[in-house]
PDB file of N, CA and C in Angstrom:
ATOM      1  N   MET A   1      75.250  46.984 118.391  1.00  0.00           N
ATOM      2  CA  MET A   1      76.140  47.199 116.774  1.00  0.00           C
ATOM      3  C   MET A   1      74.779  47.163 115.895  1.00  0.00           C
ATOM      4  N   ASN A   2      74.959  48.555 115.086  1.00  0.00           N
ATOM      5  CA  ASN A   2      74.385  48.765 114.054  1.00  0.00           C
ATOM      6  C   ASN A   2      74.704  48.086 112.742  1.00  0.00           C
ATOM      7  N   LYS A   3      74.081  47.858 111.802  1.00  0.00           N
ATOM      8  CA  LYS A   3      74.353  47.220 110.763  1.00  0.00           C
ATOM      9  C   LYS A   3      75.801  47.764 109.931  1.00  0.00           C
ATOM     10  N   SER A   4      75.725  49.389 110.190  1.00  0.00           N
ATOM     11  CA  SER A   4      76.803  49.727 109.151  1.00  0.00           C
ATOM     12  C   SER A   4      78.110  49.372 109.735  1.00  0.00           C
ATOM     13  N   GLU A   5      78.190  49.085 111.090  1.00  0.00           N
ATOM     14  CA  GLU A   5      79.375  48.447 111.728  1.00  0.00           C
ATOM     15  C   GLU A   5      79.964  47.551 111.352  1.00  0.00           C
ATOM     16  N   LYS A   6      79.033  46.417 110.780  1.00  0.00           N
ATOM     17  CA  LYS A   6      79.800  45.671 109.911  1.00  0.00           C
ATOM     18  C   LYS A   6      80.419  45.722 108.838  1.00  0.00           C
ATOM     19  N   PHE A   7      80.474  46.774 108.234  1.00  0.00           N
ATOM     20  CA  PHE A   7      81.222  47.089 106.889  1.00  0.00           C
ATOM     21  C   PHE A   7      82.705  47.809 107.606  1.00  0.00           C
ATOM     22  N   ASP A   8      83.584  47.264 106.684  1.00  0.00           N
ATOM     23  CA  ASP A   8      85.113  48.126 107.038  1.00  0.00           C
ATOM     24  C   ASP A   8      85.108  49.513 106.998  1.00  0.00           C
ATOM     25  N   ASP A   9      86.111  50.054 107.739  1.00  0.00           N
ATOM     26  CA  ASP A   9      86.007  51.381 108.257  1.00  0.00           C
ATOM     27  C   ASP A   9      86.201  52.466 107.010  1.00  0.00           C
ATOM     28  N   HIS A  10      86.758  51.873 106.136  1.00  0.00           N
ATOM     29  CA  HIS A  10      86.948  52.649 104.762  1.00  0.00           C
ATOM     30  C   HIS A  10      85.459  52.625 103.957  1.00  0.00           C
ATOM     31  N   LEU A  11      84.587  51.846 104.067  1.00  0.00           N
ATOM     32  CA  LEU A  11      83.508  52.141 103.594  1.00  0.00           C
ATOM     33  C   LEU A  11      82.413  52.877 104.352  1.00  0.00           C
ATOM     34  N   GLN A  12      82.568  52.883 105.695  1.00  0.00           N
ATOM     35  CA  GLN A  12      81.962  53.589 106.605  1.00  0.00           C
ATOM     36  C   GLN A  12      82.290  55.153 106.445  1.00  0.00           C
ATOM     37  N   GLU A  13      83.419  55.270 106.347  1.00  0.00           N
ATOM     38  CA  GLU A  13      84.276  56.654 106.013  1.00  0.00           C
ATOM     39  C   GLU A  13      83.663  57.260 104.699  1.00  0.00           C
ATOM     40  N   LEU A  14      83.777  56.582 103.964  1.00  0.00           N
ATOM     41  CA  LEU A  14      83.139  56.981 102.651  1.00  0.00           C
ATOM     42  C   LEU A  14      81.572  57.329 102.877  1.00  0.00           C
ATOM     43  N   ALA A  15      80.656  56.548 103.339  1.00  0.00           N
ATOM     44  CA  ALA A  15      79.479  56.780 103.719  1.00  0.00           C
ATOM     45  C   ALA A  15      79.295  58.041 104.590  1.00  0.00           C
ATOM     46  N   ARG A  16      80.135  58.269 105.179  1.00  0.00           N
ATOM     47  CA  ARG A  16      79.821  59.618 106.118  1.00  0.00           C
ATOM     48  C   ARG A  16      80.086  60.874 105.383  1.00  0.00           C
ATOM     49  N   PHE A  17      80.980  60.807 104.665  1.00  0.00           N
ATOM     50  CA  PHE A  17      81.227  61.488 103.248  1.00  0.00           C
ATOM     51  C   PHE A  17      80.126  62.013 102.431  1.00  0.00           C
ATOM     52  N   ALA A  18      79.877  60.742 101.996  1.00  0.00           N
ATOM     53  CA  ALA A  18      78.800  60.859 100.922  1.00  0.00           C
ATOM     54  C   ALA A  18      77.354  61.634 101.500  1.00  0.00           C
ATOM     55  N   LYS A  19      77.072  61.146 102.791  1.00  0.00           N
ATOM     56  CA  LYS A  19      76.062  61.579 103.548  1.00  0.00           C
ATOM     57  C   LYS A  19      76.142  62.943 103.760  1.00  0.00           C
ATOM     58  N   ALA A  20      77.333  63.458 104.065  1.00  0.00           N
ATOM     59  CA  ALA A  20      77.581  64.916 104.518  1.00  0.00           C
ATOM     60  C   ALA A  20      77.306  65.663 103.191  1.00  0.00           C
ATOM     61  N   ILE A  21      77.725  65.277 102.123  1.00  0.00           N
ATOM     62  CA  ILE A  21      77.759  66.274 100.758  1.00  0.00           C
ATOM     63  C   ILE A  21      76.445  65.984 100.094  1.00  0.00           C
ATOM     64  N   SER A  22      75.384  65.066 100.592  1.00  0.00           N
ATOM     65  CA  SER A  22      74.203  64.576  99.904  1.00  0.00           C
ATOM     66  C   SER A  22      73.129  65.711  99.928  1.00  0.00           C
ATOM     67  N   HIS A  23      73.059  66.920 100.553  1.00  0.00           N
ATOM     68  CA  HIS A  23      72.298  67.694 100.582  1.00  0.00           C
ATOM     69  C   HIS A  23      72.715  68.768  99.855  1.00  0.00           C
ATOM     70  N   PRO A  24      71.640  69.417  98.999  1.00  0.00           N
ATOM     71  CA  PRO A  24      71.968  70.786  98.236  1.00  0.00           C
ATOM     72  C   PRO A  24      72.469  71.902  99.168  1.00  0.00           C
ATOM     73  N   ALA A  25      71.875  71.860 100.425  1.00  0.00           N
ATOM     74  CA  ALA A  25      72.105  73.113 101.126  1.00  0.00           C
ATOM     75  C   ALA A  25      73.865  72.877 101.840  1.00  0.00           C
ATOM     76  N   ARG A  26      73.968  71.803 101.819  1.00  0.00           N
ATOM     77  CA  ARG A  26      75.350  71.669 102.206  1.00  0.00           C
ATOM     78  C   ARG A  26      76.648  72.017 100.947  1.00  0.00           C
ATOM     79  N   LEU A  27      75.808  71.339 100.051  1.00  0.00           N
ATOM     80  CA  LEU A  27      76.938  71.530  99.021  1.00  0.00           C
ATOM     81  C   LEU A  27      77.049  73.053  98.835  1.00  0.00           C
ATOM     82  N   SER A  28      75.863  73.962  98.813  1.00  0.00           N
ATOM     83  CA  SER A  28      75.741  75.341  98.745  1.00  0.00           C
ATOM     84  C   SER A  28      76.855  75.901  99.317  1.00  0.00           C
ATOM     85  N   ILE A  29      76.593  75.410 100.625  1.00  0.00           N
ATOM     86  CA  ILE A  29      77.637  76.144 101.769  1.00  0.00           C
ATOM     87  C   ILE A  29      79.059  75.691 101.664  1.00  0.00           C
ATOM     88  N   LEU A  30      79.336  74.887 101.196  1.00  0.00           N
ATOM     89  CA  LEU A  30      80.720  74.433 100.785  1.00  0.00           C
ATOM     90  C   LEU A  30      80.977  75.271  99.567  1.00  0.00           C
ATOM     91  N   LYS A  31      80.198  75.182  98.615  1.00  0.00           N
ATOM     92  CA  LYS A  31      80.383  76.196  97.370  1.00  0.00           C
ATOM     93  C   LYS A  31      80.683  77.428  97.781  1.00  0.00           C
ATOM     94  N   TYR A  32      79.873  78.123  98.515  1.00  0.00           N
ATOM     95  CA  TYR A  32      80.152  79.512  98.921  1.00  0.00           C
ATOM     96  C   TYR A  32      81.255  79.803  99.664  1.00  0.00           C
ATOM     97  N   LEU A  33      81.714  78.739 100.667  1.00  0.00           N
ATOM     98  CA  LEU A  33      83.066  79.081 101.327  1.00  0.00           C
ATOM     99  C   LEU A  33      84.506  78.918 100.475  1.00  0.00           C
ATOM    100  N   ALA A  34      84.192  77.923  99.327  1.00  0.00           N
ATOM    101  CA  ALA A  34      84.973  77.857  98.283  1.00  0.00           C
ATOM    102  C   ALA A  34      85.335  79.249  97.481  1.00  0.00           C
ATOM    103  N   GLU A  35      84.165  79.734  97.011  1.00  0.00           N
ATOM    104  CA  GLU A  35      84.131  80.940  96.328  1.00  0.00           C
ATOM    105  C   GLU A  35      84.433  82.320  96.900  1.00  0.00           C
ATOM    106  N   THR A  36      84.147  82.154  98.116  1.00  0.00           N
ATOM    107  CA  THR A  36      84.859  83.587  98.946  1.00  0.00           C
ATOM    108  C   THR A  36      86.274  83.522  99.056  1.00  0.00           C
ATOM    109  N   LYS A  37      86.949  82.310  98.946  1.00  0.00           N
ATOM    110  CA  LYS A  37      88.363  81.891  99.261  1.00  0.00           C
ATOM    111  C   LYS A  37      89.226  82.590 100.288  1.00  0.00           C
ATOM    112  N   THR A  38      88.022  82.629 101.476  1.00  0.00           N
ATOM    113  CA  THR A  38      88.632  83.290 103.052  1.00  0.00           C
ATOM    114  C   THR A  38      87.594  82.685 103.819  1.00  0.00           C
ATOM    115  N   CYS A  39      87.860  82.893 105.154  1.00  0.00           N
ATOM    116  CA  CYS A  39      87.057  82.463 106.136  1.00  0.00           C
ATOM    117  C   CYS A  39      85.850  83.567 106.289  1.00  0.00           C
ATOM    118  N   ILE A  40      84.746  82.942 106.499  1.00  0.00           N
ATOM    119  CA  ILE A  40      83.506  83.951 106.586  1.00  0.00           C
ATOM    120  C   ILE A  40      83.228  84.074 108.214  1.00  0.00           C
ATOM    121  N   SER A  41      83.186  85.495 108.322  1.00  0.00           N
ATOM    122  CA  SER A  41      82.961  85.945 110.016  1.00  0.00           C
ATOM    123  C   SER A  41      81.262  86.450 109.903  1.00  0.00           C
ATOM    124  N   GLY A  42      80.679  86.073 110.688  1.00  0.00           N
ATOM    125  CA  GLY A  42      78.940  86.170 110.755  1.00  0.00           C
ATOM    126  C   GLY A  42      78.072  85.302 110.421  1.00  0.00           C
ATOM    127  N   ASP A  43      77.158  85.701 109.896  1.00  0.00           N
ATOM    128  CA  ASP A  43      75.891  84.782 109.739  1.00  0.00           C
ATOM    129  C   ASP A  43      76.138  84.498 108.171  1.00  0.00           C
ATOM    130  N   ILE A  44      76.401  82.942 107.580  1.00  0.00           N
ATOM    131  CA  ILE A  44      76.334  82.652 106.343  1.00  0.00           C
ATOM    132  C   ILE A  44      74.958  82.599 105.893  1.00  0.00           C
ATOM    133  N   SER A  45      73.931  82.662 106.628  1.00  0.00           N
ATOM    134  CA  SER A  45      72.588  82.724 106.110  1.00  0.00           C
ATOM    135  C   SER A  45      72.409  83.845 105.327  1.00  0.00           C
ATOM    136  N   ASP A  46      72.957  84.914 105.889  1.00  0.00           N
ATOM    137  CA  ASP A  46      72.704  86.563 104.798  1.00  0.00           C
ATOM    138  C   ASP A  46      73.141  86.084 103.534  1.00  0.00           C
ATOM    139  N   PHE A  47      74.000  85.017 103.136  1.00  0.00           N
ATOM    140  CA  PHE A  47      74.371  84.879 101.443  1.00  0.00           C
ATOM    141  C   PHE A  47      73.788  83.749 100.962  1.00  0.00           C
ATOM    142  N   LEU A  48      72.978  82.897 101.613  1.00  0.00           N
ATOM    143  CA  LEU A  48      72.316  81.925 101.525  1.00  0.00           C
ATOM    144  C   LEU A  48      70.537  81.868 101.196  1.00  0.00           C
ATOM    145  N   PRO A  49      69.995  81.260 100.449  1.00  0.00           N
ATOM    146  CA  PRO A  49      68.505  81.293 100.489  1.00  0.00           C
ATOM    147  C   PRO A  49      67.956  80.273 101.345  1.00  0.00           C
ATOM    148  N   LEU A  50      68.378  80.671 102.765  1.00  0.00           N
ATOM    149  CA  LEU A  50      68.075  79.627 103.631  1.00  0.00           C
ATOM    150  C   LEU A  50      68.174  80.264 105.011  1.00  0.00           C
ATOM    151  N   SER A  51      66.905  79.680 105.945  1.00  0.00           N
ATOM    152  CA  SER A  51      66.837  80.376 107.000  1.00  0.00           C
ATOM    153  C   SER A  51      68.052  80.034 107.991  1.00  0.00           C
ATOM    154  N   ARG A  52      68.204  81.089 109.288  1.00  0.00           N
ATOM    155  CA  ARG A  52      69.427  80.886 110.042  1.00  0.00           C
ATOM    156  C   ARG A  52      69.435  79.537 110.623  1.00  0.00           C
ATOM    157  N   THR A  53      68.076  79.068 111.194  1.00  0.00           N
ATOM    158  CA  THR A  53      68.381  77.623 111.824  1.00  0.00           C
ATOM    159  C   THR A  53      68.629  76.297 110.823  1.00  0.00           C
ATOM    160  N   THR A  54      68.235  76.613 109.393  1.00  0.00           N
ATOM    161  CA  THR A  54      68.701  75.719 108.845  1.00  0.00           C
ATOM    162  C   THR A  54      70.058  75.616 108.258  1.00  0.00           C
ATOM    163  N   VAL A  55      70.708  76.815 108.025  1.00  0.00           N
ATOM    164  CA  VAL A  55      72.127  76.983 108.093  1.00  0.00           C
ATOM    165  C   VAL A  55      72.616  76.468 109.027  1.00  0.00           C
ATOM    166  N   SER A  56      72.357  76.679 110.316  1.00  0.00           N
ATOM    167  CA  SER A  56      73.060  76.106 111.257  1.00  0.00           C
ATOM    168  C   SER A  56      73.087  74.702 111.614  1.00  0.00           C
ATOM    169  N   GLN A  57      72.058  74.175 111.183  1.00  0.00           N
ATOM    170  CA  GLN A  57      71.974  72.485 110.910  1.00  0.00           C
ATOM    171  C   GLN A  57      73.108  71.959 110.253  1.00  0.00           C
ATOM    172  N   HIS A  58      72.695  72.771 109.360  1.00  0.00           N
ATOM    173  CA  HIS A  58      73.817  71.895 108.068  1.00  0.00           C
ATOM    174  C   HIS A  58      75.386  72.595 108.537  1.00  0.00           C
ATOM    175  N   LEU A  59      75.725  73.606 109.038  1.00  0.00           N
ATOM    176  CA  LEU A  59      76.952  74.110 109.338  1.00  0.00           C
ATOM    177  C   LEU A  59      77.241  72.532 110.440  1.00  0.00           C
ATOM    178  N   LYS A  60      76.503  72.349 111.392  1.00  0.00           N
ATOM    179  CA  LYS A  60      76.882  71.378 112.295  1.00  0.00           C
ATOM    180  C   LYS A  60      77.188  70.161 111.554  1.00  0.00           C
ATOM    181  N   GLU A  61      76.676  69.641 110.608  1.00  0.00           N
ATOM    182  CA  GLU A  61      76.773  68.536 109.918  1.00  0.00           C
ATOM    183  C   GLU A  61      78.122  68.442 109.286  1.00  0.00           C
ATOM    184  N   LEU A  62      78.441  69.510 108.905  1.00  0.00           N
ATOM    185  CA  LEU A  62      79.893  69.938 108.054  1.00  0.00           C
ATOM    186  C   LEU A  62      80.894  69.782 109.133  1.00  0.00           C
ATOM    187  N   ARG A  63      80.730  70.632 110.410  1.00  0.00           N
ATOM    188  CA  ARG A  63      81.812  70.743 111.390  1.00  0.00           C
ATOM    189  C   ARG A  63      81.920  69.244 111.694  1.00  0.00           C
ATOM    190  N   ASP A  64      80.891  68.441 112.141  1.00  0.00           N
ATOM    191  CA  ASP A  64      80.908  67.278 112.551  1.00  0.00           C
ATOM    192  C   ASP A  64      81.960  66.200 111.698  1.00  0.00           C
ATOM    193  N   LEU A  65      81.849  66.363 110.429  1.00  0.00           N
ATOM    194  CA  LEU A  65      82.830  65.557 109.467  1.00  0.00           C
ATOM    195  C   LEU A  65      83.859  66.199 109.461  1.00  0.00           C
ATOM    196  N   GLY A  66      83.993  67.252 109.954  1.00  0.00           N
ATOM    197  CA  GLY A  66      85.061  68.056 109.915  1.00  0.00           C
ATOM    198  C   GLY A  66      85.760  68.691 108.353  1.00  0.00           C
ATOM    199  N   LEU A  67      84.507  68.911 107.734  1.00  0.00           N
ATOM    200  CA  LEU A  67      84.685  69.602 106.069  1.00  0.00           C
ATOM    201  C   LEU A  67      84.967  71.088 106.561  1.00  0.00           C
ATOM    202  N   ILE A  68      84.410  71.649 107.667  1.00  0.00           N
ATOM    203  CA  ILE A  68      84.656  73.216 107.688  1.00  0.00           C
ATOM    204  C   ILE A  68      84.932  73.250 109.245  1.00  0.00           C
ATOM    205  N   GLN A  69      85.702  74.535 109.452  1.00  0.00           N
ATOM    206  CA  GLN A  69      85.780  74.512 110.887  1.00  0.00           C
ATOM    207  C   GLN A  69      85.045  76.205 111.392  1.00  0.00           C
ATOM    208  N   GLY A  70      84.856  76.077 112.450  1.00  0.00           N
ATOM    209  CA  GLY A  70      84.297  77.058 113.000  1.00  0.00           C
ATOM    210  C   GLY A  70      84.869  77.806 114.371  1.00  0.00           C
ATOM    211  N   THR A  71      85.256  78.850 114.259  1.00  0.00           N
ATOM    212  CA  THR A  71      85.926  79.201 115.462  1.00  0.00           C
ATOM    213  C   THR A  71      84.996  80.540 115.923  1.00  0.00           C
ATOM    214  N   ILE A  72      85.066  80.687 117.396  1.00  0.00           N
ATOM    215  CA  ILE A  72      84.252  81.698 117.994  1.00  0.00           C
ATOM    216  C   ILE A  72      85.525  82.820 117.699  1.00  0.00           C
ATOM    217  N   ASP A  73      85.008  84.172 117.532  1.00  0.00           N
ATOM    218  CA  ASP A  73      85.554  85.286 117.682  1.00  0.00           C
ATOM    219  C   ASP A  73      84.422  86.529 118.050  1.00  0.00           C
ATOM    220  N   GLY A  74      84.720  86.407 119.536  1.00  0.00           N
ATOM    221  CA  GLY A  74      83.548  87.228 120.194  1.00  0.00           C
ATOM    222  C   GLY A  74      82.214  86.835 119.986  1.00  0.00           C
ATOM    223  N   LEU A  75      81.321  87.384 119.297  1.00  0.00           N
ATOM    224  CA  LEU A  75      79.914  87.088 119.184  1.00  0.00           C
ATOM    225  C   LEU A  75      79.788  86.380 117.586  1.00  0.00           C
ATOM    226  N   LYS A  76      80.825  86.529 117.146  1.00  0.00           N
ATOM    227  CA  LYS A  76      80.871  86.054 115.861  1.00  0.00           C
ATOM    228  C   LYS A  76      81.334  84.464 115.579  1.00  0.00           C
ATOM    229  N   VAL A  77      81.101  83.744 114.684  1.00  0.00           N
ATOM    230  CA  VAL A  77      81.878  82.565 114.450  1.00  0.00           C
ATOM    231  C   VAL A  77      82.481  82.619 113.189  1.00  0.00           C
ATOM    232  N   ASN A  78      83.763  82.457 112.839  1.00  0.00           N
ATOM    233  CA  ASN A  78      84.435  82.687 111.691  1.00  0.00           C
ATOM    234  C   ASN A  78      84.632  80.941 111.090  1.00  0.00           C
ATOM    235  N   TYR A  79      83.785  80.840 109.920  1.00  0.00           N
ATOM    236  CA  TYR A  79      83.861  79.507 109.135  1.00  0.00           C
ATOM    237  C   TYR A  79      84.928  79.561 108.064  1.00  0.00           C
ATOM    238  N   CYS A  80      85.499  78.172 107.882  1.00  0.00           N
ATOM    239  CA  CYS A  80      86.675  78.074 106.951  1.00  0.00           C
ATOM    240  C   CYS A  80      86.420  76.564 106.422  1.00  0.00           C
ATOM    241  N   LEU A  81      86.807  76.376 105.190  1.00  0.00           N
ATOM    242  CA  LEU A  81      86.829  74.802 104.633  1.00  0.00           C
ATOM    243  C   LEU A  81      88.313  74.539 105.557  1.00  0.00           C
ATOM    244  N   CYS A  82      88.082  73.096 105.639  1.00  0.00           N
ATOM    245  CA  CYS A  82      88.913  72.570 106.007  1.00  0.00           C
ATOM    246  C   CYS A  82      89.362  71.321 104.918  1.00  0.00           C
ATOM    247  N   SER A  83      90.736  72.142 104.222  1.00  0.00           N
ATOM    248  CA  SER A  83      91.046  71.687 102.902  1.00  0.00           C
ATOM    249  C   SER A  83      91.733  70.126 103.000  1.00  0.00           C
ATOM    250  N   SER A  84      92.461  69.993 104.195  1.00  0.00           N
ATOM    251  CA  SER A  84      93.158  68.554 104.526  1.00  0.00           C
ATOM    252  C   SER A  84      92.079  67.435 104.886  1.00  0.00           C
ATOM    253  N   THR A  85      91.011  67.926 105.275  1.00  0.00           N
ATOM    254  CA  THR A  85      89.838  66.998 105.098  1.00  0.00           C
ATOM    255  C   THR A  85      89.122  66.817 104.012  1.00  0.00           C
ATOM    256  N   ILE A  86      88.673  67.824 103.341  1.00  0.00           N
ATOM    257  CA  ILE A  86      88.111  67.495 102.235  1.00  0.00           C
ATOM    258  C   ILE A  86      89.191  66.811 101.211  1.00  0.00           C
ATOM    259  N   ASP A  87      90.643  66.933 101.292  1.00  0.00           N
ATOM    260  CA  ASP A  87      91.179  66.161 100.199  1.00  0.00           C
ATOM    261  C   ASP A  87      91.338  64.635 100.526  1.00  0.00           C
ATOM    262  N   LYS A  88      91.435  64.571 102.252  1.00  0.00           N
ATOM    263  CA  LYS A  88      91.150  63.270 102.506  1.00  0.00           C
ATOM    264  C   LYS A  88      90.071  62.371 102.134  1.00  0.00           C
ATOM    265  N   ASN A  89      89.073  62.913 102.174  1.00  0.00           N
ATOM    266  CA  ASN A  89      87.534  62.443 101.496  1.00  0.00           C
ATOM    267  C   ASN A  89      87.633  62.290 100.300  1.00  0.00           C
ATOM    268  N   LEU A  90      88.242  63.284  99.516  1.00  0.00           N
ATOM    269  CA  LEU A  90      88.059  63.180  97.939  1.00  0.00           C
ATOM    270  C   LEU A  90      89.063  61.840  97.609  1.00  0.00           C
ATOM    271  N   GLN A  91      90.084  61.957  98.164  1.00  0.00           N
ATOM    272  CA  GLN A  91      90.992  60.615  97.835  1.00  0.00           C
ATOM    273  C   GLN A  91      90.085  59.174  98.213  1.00  0.00           C
ATOM    274  N   ILE A  92      89.510  59.293  99.183  1.00  0.00           N
ATOM    275  CA  ILE A  92      88.818  57.897  99.777  1.00  0.00           C
ATOM    276  C   ILE A  92      87.807  57.680  98.454  1.00  0.00           C
ATOM    277  N   PHE A  93      87.086  58.987  98.334  1.00  0.00           N
ATOM    278  CA  PHE A  93      86.208  58.483  97.246  1.00  0.00           C
ATOM    279  C   PHE A  93      86.735  58.066  96.093  1.00  0.00           C
ATOM    280  N   ASP A  94      87.695  58.795  95.406  1.00  0.00           N
ATOM    281  CA  ASP A  94      88.470  58.507  94.200  1.00  0.00           C
ATOM    282  C   ASP A  94      89.122  56.948  94.413  1.00  0.00           C
ATOM    283  N   SER A  95      89.457  56.636  95.396  1.00  0.00           N
ATOM    284  CA  SER A  95      90.040  55.330  95.478  1.00  0.00           C
ATOM    285  C   SER A  95      88.776  54.029  95.354  1.00  0.00           C
ATOM    286  N   PHE A  96      87.649  54.546  95.756  1.00  0.00           N
ATOM    287  CA  PHE A  96      86.902  53.608  95.679  1.00  0.00           C
ATOM    288  C   PHE A  96      86.040  53.496  94.244  1.00  0.00           C
ATOM    289  N   PHE A  97      85.997  54.714  93.601  1.00  0.00           N
ATOM    290  CA  PHE A  97      85.495  54.676  92.431  1.00  0.00           C
ATOM    291  C   PHE A  97      86.320  54.352  91.283  1.00  0.00           C
ATOM    292  N   GLU A  98      87.591  54.449  91.357  1.00  0.00           N
ATOM    293  CA  GLU A  98      88.563  54.492  90.499  1.00  0.00           C
ATOM    294  C   GLU A  98      88.587  52.935  89.834  1.00  0.00           C
ATOM    295  N   PRO A  99      88.480  51.886  90.754  1.00  0.00           N
ATOM    296  CA  PRO A  99      88.763  50.759  89.995  1.00  0.00           C
ATOM    297  C   PRO A  99      87.007  50.187  89.285  1.00  0.00           C
ATOM    298  N   ILE A 100      86.202  50.626  89.699  1.00  0.00           N
ATOM    299  CA  ILE A 100      84.869  50.666  88.949  1.00  0.00           C
ATOM    300  C   ILE A 100      84.912  51.184  87.695  1.00  0.00           C
ATOM    301  N   LYS A 101      85.629  52.629  87.643  1.00  0.00           N
ATOM    302  CA  LYS A 101      85.438  53.226  86.401  1.00  0.00           C
ATOM    303  C   LYS A 101      86.246  52.889  85.132  1.00  0.00           C
ATOM    304  N   LEU A 102      87.353  52.171  85.786  1.00  0.00           N
ATOM    305  CA  LEU A 102      88.099  51.445  85.121  1.00  0.00           C
ATOM    306  C   LEU A 102      87.667  49.876  84.646  1.00  0.00           C
ATOM    307  N   LEU A 103      86.721  49.665  85.096  1.00  0.00           N
ATOM    308  CA  LEU A 103      86.320  48.548  84.580  1.00  0.00           C
ATOM    309  C   LEU A 103      85.618  48.587  83.011  1.00  0.00           C
ATOM    310  N   HIS A 104      85.060  49.729  82.791  1.00  0.00           N
ATOM    311  CA  HIS A 104      84.753  49.940  81.477  1.00  0.00           C
ATOM    312  C   HIS A 104      83.599  48.993  80.765  1.00  0.00           C
ATOM    313  N   ILE A 105      82.789  48.908  81.596  1.00  0.00           N
ATOM    314  CA  ILE A 105      81.483  47.840  81.721  1.00  0.00           C
ATOM    315  C   ILE A 105      80.631  48.350  80.409  1.00  0.00           C
ATOM    316  N   ASP A 106      80.470  47.169  79.107  1.00  0.00           N
ATOM    317  CA  ASP A 106      79.328  47.932  78.500  1.00  0.00           C
ATOM    318  C   ASP A 106      78.209  47.492  78.578  1.00  0.00           C
ATOM    319  N   CYS A 107      77.308  48.701  78.670  1.00  0.00           N
ATOM    320  CA  CYS A 107      75.613  48.747  78.830  1.00  0.00           C
ATOM    321  C   CYS A 107      74.938  48.529  77.691  1.00  0.00           C
ATOM    322  N   SER A 108      75.464  48.002  76.852  1.00  0.00           N
ATOM    323  CA  SER A 108      74.820  47.896  75.434  1.00  0.00           C
ATOM    324  C   SER A 108      73.650  46.596  75.527  1.00  0.00           C
ATOM    325  N   LEU A 109      72.935  46.702  74.823  1.00  0.00           N
ATOM    326  CA  LEU A 109      71.856  45.616  74.487  1.00  0.00           C
ATOM    327  C   LEU A 109      72.530  44.340  74.468  1.00  0.00           C
ATOM    328  N   ASP A 110      72.317  43.364  75.366  1.00  0.00           N
ATOM    329  CA  ASP A 110      72.931  42.241  75.521  1.00  0.00           C
ATOM    330  C   ASP A 110      72.151  41.232  74.492  1.00  0.00           C
ATOM    331  N   ASN A 111      72.744  40.751  72.861  1.00  0.00           N
ATOM    332  CA  ASN A 111      71.853  39.967  72.337  1.00  0.00           C
ATOM    333  C   ASN A 111      71.412  38.574  72.772  1.00  0.00           C
ATOM    334  N   HIS A 112      72.230  38.303  73.519  1.00  0.00           N
ATOM    335  CA  HIS A 112      71.999  36.762  73.826  1.00  0.00           C
ATOM    336  C   HIS A 112      70.837  36.821  74.852  1.00  0.00           C
ATOM    337  N   THR A 113      70.776  37.615  75.784  1.00  0.00           N
ATOM    338  CA  THR A 113      69.524  37.639  76.950  1.00  0.00           C
ATOM    339  C   THR A 113      68.611  38.532  76.320  1.00  0.00           C
ATOM    340  N   ASN A 114      68.856  39.721  75.593  1.00  0.00           N
ATOM    341  CA  ASN A 114      67.821  40.647  75.213  1.00  0.00           C
ATOM    342  C   ASN A 114      67.439  41.435  76.659  1.00  0.00           C
ATOM    343  N   GLN A 115      68.511  41.677  77.375  1.00  0.00           N
ATOM    344  CA  GLN A 115      68.401  42.804  78.417  1.00  0.00           C
ATOM    345  C   GLN A 115      69.551  43.629  78.348  1.00  0.00           C
ATOM    346  N   ASN A 116      69.238  44.719  78.976  1.00  0.00           N
ATOM    347  CA  ASN A 116      69.945  45.847  79.291  1.00  0.00           C
ATOM    348  C   ASN A 116      70.730  45.575  80.508  1.00  0.00           C
ATOM    349  N   ASN A 117      72.063  45.390  80.314  1.00  0.00           N
ATOM    350  CA  ASN A 117      72.984  45.384  81.446  1.00  0.00           C
ATOM    351  C   ASN A 117      73.267  46.381  82.103  1.00  0.00           C
ATOM    352  N   CYS A 118      72.394  47.899  81.876  1.00  0.00           N
ATOM    353  CA  CYS A 118      72.809  48.813  83.112  1.00  0.00           C
ATOM    354  C   CYS A 118      71.324  49.142  83.737  1.00  0.00           C
TER     355      CYS A 118
END
């Protein structure tokens, strides 16, 4: 058992999503697919400032989490965003941060302890 397995499933799922979107190349791929508003057939690396190998590795990460789908069409792969998975992960993200955001913690200098609370 690795240490992450000691945390509840909700936190593990949130961590996997955060890891997937934590790299600018993966964010760039997601953004590109969103901006094209269609599935992309062919080599996405033609549209990004990355090598084919690098793009392929990042596509695998995004596919493994289900954020994108890749279907083979002859010699090409069609890549599409998977909106339902993205929505589900955003809901998990929001449900985690919403209670924290609502706390309205004051990070101003505390005169009693002379420390900044943030």
